[in-house]
Amino acid sequence: MKEVVPADNERKGVNESRYAIESVMKTLQVLFSFCKPPYRFAIGDLEGLTGLSKNQIFRSLKSLEEFGLLRMEPGGQYVVTAMAYNLALAAESDIPLEELAQPIMEQLQQVTGETVNLCCLSEGQSIIIARRHSKQGVRLISRLGQRTPLHAGACPKAMLAFLSLEEQQKVLDMLPHYQKMAENTVTDPDQLRIELDQIRKRGYSISYEDYEEGANGVGAPIFGKNGKVIGAISAGGPSHRVGVELIHQFGDLTVEAAEKISRSLGYFREQSNHL
């Protein structure tokens, strides 16, 4: 729903965090590569896993070894030491998704200047559980608790694309029974299947007025510690303001926000395009 309000703010510039130390981020990327089997790696193995240079990996490994988090075996492979258990003991458990995502949602809203929604996946539907409305004069308004099927809209399609093929097929089979939300809503299973493949490849969904007339947006999936999609985050606004020139920029920002939330939930992916 679009709403006209008196306030009108200029869009803020898109900036990466000025407080993050690049070398530290890369060292943490190396450390968390050990979360995957076989849990022991040589420098050459990590080069392929992380995409980092051999020199950077060597410095990171030696720093982690010096600190006591890693040790090198006689064969030249590194393993995590028992010191890592201290981090596990200090980890938060089962914090609500909307509480954990709050500061990341606010940051995404500030850098895009548009409405941000946080959705969870429940019984094959998308539910809006948190939102940050744009301060623009004309903006998108979302309703907390709103339930929608997964075939249209930024958050729903982002979640659907990363479900198992079996779960996706259940939605595709139901397409003839689902409501056509807008003129651009896809109702052909083969066409939607192609779009889902595109979403998986680029990492985010695009909604060009397929859920609501005059509204465009992007959505990215959020994963739990078990690696399964549990929700999504989106950014969107009126189509006259959020056009093709901004969509992909918003897409990258939304993926970054989703990855931050996923990592806070305990999910780790070997390589991130944002490091």
Protein backbone atom coordinates (compact mmCIF):
# COMPACT_ATOMS: atom_id res chain seq x y z
CA MET A 1 0.00 0.00 0.00
CA LYS A 2 1.36 3.45 -0.91
CA GLU A 3 0.85 6.30 1.53
CA VAL A 4 1.53 10.03 1.14
CA VAL A 5 2.97 11.74 4.22
CA PRO A 6 4.29 15.29 4.71
CA ALA A 7 7.89 14.31 5.48
CA ASP A 8 10.42 13.91 2.64
CA ASN A 9 14.08 12.98 3.09
CA GLU A 10 16.84 12.73 0.51
CA ARG A 11 18.22 9.28 -0.16
CA LYS A 12 21.36 8.65 1.83
CA GLY A 13 24.53 7.53 0.09
CA VAL A 14 25.51 3.89 0.08
CA ASN A 15 28.56 3.32 2.27
CA GLU A 16 30.18 0.22 3.67
CA SER A 17 30.99 0.07 7.39
CA ARG A 18 33.93 2.36 8.17
CA TYR A 19 34.68 0.48 11.37
CA ALA A 20 35.34 -2.99 9.91
CA ILE A 21 39.02 -3.90 9.59
CA GLU A 22 39.52 -5.74 6.31
CA SER A 23 42.41 -7.91 7.49
CA VAL A 24 40.43 -8.99 10.56
CA MET A 25 37.40 -9.86 8.42
CA LYS A 26 39.57 -12.01 6.17
CA THR A 27 41.20 -13.75 9.15
CA LEU A 28 37.75 -14.58 10.54
CA GLN A 29 36.76 -15.91 7.13
CA VAL A 30 39.77 -18.24 7.29
CA LEU A 31 38.90 -19.32 10.85
CA PHE A 32 35.28 -20.13 10.06
CA SER A 33 36.30 -22.19 7.04
CA PHE A 34 37.16 -24.85 9.63
CA CYS A 35 33.45 -25.26 10.42
CA LYS A 36 33.10 -27.59 7.44
CA PRO A 37 34.44 -31.14 6.96
CA PRO A 38 37.14 -32.39 6.98
CA TYR A 39 37.84 -29.71 9.67
CA ARG A 40 41.59 -29.65 8.89
CA PHE A 41 43.14 -27.74 6.04
CA ALA A 42 46.47 -26.80 4.49
CA ILE A 43 47.11 -23.38 2.95
CA GLY A 44 46.33 -24.68 -0.54
CA ASP A 45 42.98 -26.06 0.58
CA LEU A 46 41.96 -22.73 2.11
CA GLU A 47 42.96 -20.83 -1.00
CA GLY A 48 40.26 -22.66 -2.93
CA LEU A 49 37.69 -22.41 -0.12
CA THR A 50 38.02 -18.70 0.62
CA GLY A 51 39.21 -17.15 -2.62
CA LEU A 52 41.85 -15.25 -0.64
CA SER A 53 45.51 -14.96 -1.66
CA LYS A 54 48.03 -17.50 -0.33
CA ASN A 55 49.91 -14.66 1.38
CA GLN A 56 46.77 -13.45 3.19
CA ILE A 57 45.87 -16.99 4.28
CA PHE A 58 49.39 -17.59 5.61
CA ARG A 59 49.30 -14.40 7.71
CA SER A 60 45.81 -15.24 9.00
CA LEU A 61 46.79 -18.80 9.92
CA LYS A 62 49.92 -17.66 11.76
CA SER A 63 47.94 -15.00 13.67
CA LEU A 64 45.31 -17.55 14.72
CA GLU A 65 48.02 -20.05 15.62
CA GLU A 66 49.86 -17.46 17.70
CA PHE A 67 46.63 -16.58 19.52
CA GLY A 68 45.95 -20.25 20.24
CA LEU A 69 42.84 -20.88 18.16
CA LEU A 70 44.64 -23.05 15.60
CA ARG A 71 47.54 -25.49 15.70
CA MET A 72 49.53 -27.02 12.86
CA GLU A 73 49.80 -30.79 12.60
CA PRO A 74 53.03 -32.56 11.53
CA GLY A 75 51.66 -32.98 7.99
CA GLY A 76 51.23 -29.22 7.55
CA GLN A 77 47.47 -29.10 8.05
CA TYR A 78 45.83 -26.77 10.58
CA VAL A 79 43.10 -27.72 13.06
CA VAL A 80 41.01 -25.76 15.56
CA THR A 81 42.09 -26.05 19.21
CA ALA A 82 39.86 -26.58 22.24
CA MET A 83 40.18 -22.85 22.93
CA ALA A 84 37.26 -22.35 20.52
CA TYR A 85 34.90 -23.94 23.08
CA ASN A 86 35.09 -20.69 25.06
CA LEU A 87 33.30 -18.91 22.21
CA ALA A 88 30.62 -21.60 22.04
CA LEU A 89 29.91 -21.23 25.76
CA ALA A 90 29.50 -17.47 25.39
CA ALA A 91 27.16 -17.68 22.37
CA GLU A 92 23.58 -16.42 22.67
CA SER A 93 20.90 -19.05 22.18
CA ASP A 94 17.50 -18.74 20.52
CA ILE A 95 17.26 -14.95 20.39
CA PRO A 96 14.09 -13.92 18.45
CA LEU A 97 14.78 -13.22 14.78
CA GLU A 98 13.13 -9.79 14.82
CA GLU A 99 15.19 -8.71 17.84
CA LEU A 100 18.44 -9.94 16.35
CA ALA A 101 17.71 -8.30 12.97
CA GLN A 102 16.61 -4.91 14.34
CA PRO A 103 19.88 -2.94 13.96
CA ILE A 104 20.58 -4.50 10.55
CA MET A 105 17.10 -3.56 9.33
CA GLU A 106 17.57 0.01 10.51
CA GLN A 107 20.90 0.24 8.69
CA LEU A 108 19.39 -1.12 5.47
CA GLN A 109 16.51 1.35 5.70
CA GLN A 110 18.93 4.23 6.17
CA VAL A 111 21.20 3.37 3.23
CA THR A 112 18.33 2.64 0.82
CA GLY A 113 15.89 5.25 2.08
CA GLU A 114 13.08 2.79 1.39
CA THR A 115 10.78 0.46 3.34
CA VAL A 116 12.42 -2.66 4.77
CA ASN A 117 10.48 -5.80 5.70
CA LEU A 118 11.58 -8.85 7.70
CA CYS A 119 9.63 -12.04 7.01
CA CYS A 120 9.70 -15.53 8.44
CA LEU A 121 8.75 -18.80 6.78
CA SER A 122 5.81 -20.56 8.44
CA GLU A 123 3.76 -23.47 7.08
CA GLY A 124 4.63 -22.65 3.49
CA GLN A 125 3.78 -18.96 3.79
CA SER A 126 5.64 -15.68 4.27
CA ILE A 127 4.77 -13.67 7.40
CA ILE A 128 5.90 -10.08 8.01
CA ILE A 129 7.31 -10.01 11.55
CA ALA A 130 9.11 -6.64 11.54
CA ARG A 131 9.31 -3.54 9.35
CA ARG A 132 11.02 -0.19 8.99
CA HIS A 133 8.99 2.25 6.93
CA SER A 134 10.59 4.74 4.58
CA LYS A 135 10.57 8.41 5.53
CA GLN A 136 9.94 9.41 1.91
CA GLY A 137 6.82 11.36 1.04
CA VAL A 138 5.46 8.47 -1.03
CA ARG A 139 6.35 5.09 0.46
CA LEU A 140 5.30 1.48 0.77
CA ILE A 141 3.38 0.50 3.88
CA SER A 142 3.40 -3.08 5.16
CA ARG A 143 1.23 -4.72 7.79
CA LEU A 144 2.71 -6.77 10.64
CA GLY A 145 1.47 -10.34 10.65
CA GLN A 146 0.50 -10.23 6.99
CA ARG A 147 0.59 -13.75 5.49
CA THR A 148 1.19 -14.36 1.80
CA PRO A 149 1.97 -17.38 -0.39
CA LEU A 150 5.48 -17.72 -1.79
CA HIS A 151 4.89 -17.17 -5.51
CA ALA A 152 4.97 -13.35 -5.58
CA GLY A 153 6.74 -10.52 -3.79
CA ALA A 154 10.37 -9.94 -2.81
CA CYS A 155 10.60 -11.83 0.51
CA PRO A 156 8.33 -14.73 -0.52
CA LYS A 157 10.23 -15.46 -3.75
CA ALA A 158 13.60 -15.13 -1.99
CA MET A 159 12.56 -17.86 0.44
CA LEU A 160 10.96 -20.06 -2.21
CA ALA A 161 14.10 -20.02 -4.38
CA PHE A 162 16.22 -21.52 -1.61
CA LEU A 163 13.80 -24.20 -0.42
CA SER A 164 14.33 -27.82 -1.43
CA LEU A 165 13.11 -28.86 -4.89
CA GLU A 166 10.39 -30.92 -3.22
CA GLU A 167 9.09 -27.92 -1.26
CA GLN A 168 9.27 -25.71 -4.34
CA GLN A 169 7.25 -28.22 -6.33
CA LYS A 170 4.43 -28.05 -3.78
CA VAL A 171 4.15 -24.30 -4.43
CA LEU A 172 4.38 -24.74 -8.21
CA ASP A 173 1.61 -27.33 -8.08
CA MET A 174 -0.62 -24.85 -6.24
CA LEU A 175 -0.09 -21.95 -8.68
CA PRO A 176 -3.46 -22.41 -10.44
CA HIS A 177 -5.20 -22.02 -7.08
CA TYR A 178 -3.29 -18.95 -5.91
CA GLN A 179 -4.61 -15.42 -6.28
CA LYS A 180 -3.06 -13.25 -8.98
CA MET A 181 -1.79 -10.37 -6.83
CA ALA A 182 -1.09 -7.97 -9.70
CA GLU A 183 -0.84 -7.87 -13.48
CA ASN A 184 2.82 -9.06 -13.33
CA THR A 185 2.20 -11.99 -10.96
CA VAL A 186 3.68 -15.14 -12.50
CA THR A 187 1.17 -17.98 -12.66
CA ASP A 188 2.96 -20.30 -15.09
CA PRO A 189 5.00 -22.99 -13.22
CA ASP A 190 7.71 -23.23 -15.90
CA GLN A 191 8.18 -19.47 -15.96
CA LEU A 192 8.39 -19.26 -12.18
CA ARG A 193 10.85 -22.17 -12.09
CA ILE A 194 13.16 -20.23 -14.43
CA GLU A 195 12.89 -17.15 -12.22
CA LEU A 196 13.72 -19.17 -9.10
CA ASP A 197 16.89 -20.44 -10.78
CA GLN A 198 17.88 -16.84 -11.58
CA ILE A 199 17.28 -15.83 -7.95
CA ARG A 200 19.56 -18.60 -6.68
CA LYS A 201 22.32 -17.57 -9.08
CA ARG A 202 22.36 -13.87 -8.18
CA GLY A 203 21.41 -14.33 -4.49
CA TYR A 204 18.32 -12.11 -4.34
CA SER A 205 14.81 -11.88 -5.76
CA ILE A 206 13.39 -8.99 -7.76
CA SER A 207 9.75 -7.96 -7.55
CA TYR A 208 8.72 -5.75 -10.47
CA GLU A 209 5.12 -4.93 -9.54
CA ASP A 210 4.31 -8.66 -9.24
CA TYR A 211 2.81 -8.31 -5.77
CA GLU A 212 1.41 -4.77 -5.87
CA GLU A 213 0.94 -2.34 -8.74
CA GLY A 214 3.47 0.51 -8.62
CA ALA A 215 5.80 -1.23 -6.13
CA ASN A 216 9.28 -2.64 -6.82
CA GLY A 217 11.65 -4.35 -4.40
CA VAL A 218 14.33 -6.94 -3.75
CA GLY A 219 14.59 -9.72 -1.19
CA ALA A 220 17.35 -11.97 0.15
CA PRO A 221 17.06 -15.22 2.11
CA ILE A 222 18.02 -15.68 5.76
CA PHE A 223 19.43 -19.06 6.84
CA GLY A 224 19.45 -20.73 10.24
CA LYS A 225 22.43 -22.54 11.73
CA ASN A 226 21.28 -25.78 10.08
CA GLY A 227 21.69 -24.16 6.67
CA LYS A 228 17.96 -24.07 5.88
CA VAL A 229 16.13 -20.90 4.85
CA ILE A 230 13.98 -19.56 7.70
CA GLY A 231 13.10 -16.06 6.50
CA ALA A 232 14.01 -13.14 4.26
CA ILE A 233 14.63 -9.41 4.31
CA SER A 234 13.52 -6.97 1.62
CA ALA A 235 13.88 -3.34 0.59
CA GLY A 236 11.43 -1.67 -1.75
CA GLY A 237 9.57 1.42 -2.77
CA PRO A 238 7.36 3.00 -5.44
CA SER A 239 8.35 1.93 -8.95
CA HIS A 240 8.82 5.54 -10.09
CA ARG A 241 11.65 5.88 -7.54
CA VAL A 242 13.01 2.33 -7.30
CA GLY A 243 13.69 1.52 -10.93
CA VAL A 244 16.12 -0.71 -12.78
CA GLU A 245 19.06 1.59 -12.01
CA LEU A 246 18.62 1.02 -8.25
CA ILE A 247 17.31 -2.53 -8.13
CA HIS A 248 20.66 -4.31 -8.38
CA GLN A 249 22.31 -1.86 -5.99
CA PHE A 250 19.54 -2.59 -3.48
CA GLY A 251 19.96 -6.29 -4.19
CA ASP A 252 23.61 -6.29 -3.13
CA LEU A 253 22.80 -4.31 0.02
CA THR A 254 19.94 -6.64 0.92
CA VAL A 255 22.09 -9.75 0.43
CA GLU A 256 24.70 -8.21 2.73
CA ALA A 257 22.04 -7.54 5.38
CA ALA A 258 20.65 -11.08 5.08
CA GLU A 259 24.14 -12.57 5.41
CA LYS A 260 24.77 -10.57 8.59
CA ILE A 261 21.54 -11.85 10.12
CA SER A 262 22.28 -15.43 9.02
CA ARG A 263 25.76 -15.31 10.56
CA SER A 264 24.29 -14.04 13.82
CA LEU A 265 21.99 -17.06 13.79
CA GLY A 266 24.97 -19.39 13.46
CA TYR A 267 24.98 -19.92 9.69
CA PHE A 268 28.32 -19.77 7.91
CA ARG A 269 29.07 -19.86 4.20
CA GLU A 270 32.62 -20.58 3.08
CA GLN A 271 32.95 -17.51 0.89
CA SER A 272 31.19 -14.15 0.89
CA ASN A 273 31.26 -11.66 -1.97
CA HIS A 274 31.16 -8.82 0.53
CA LEU A 275 34.54 -9.48 2.14
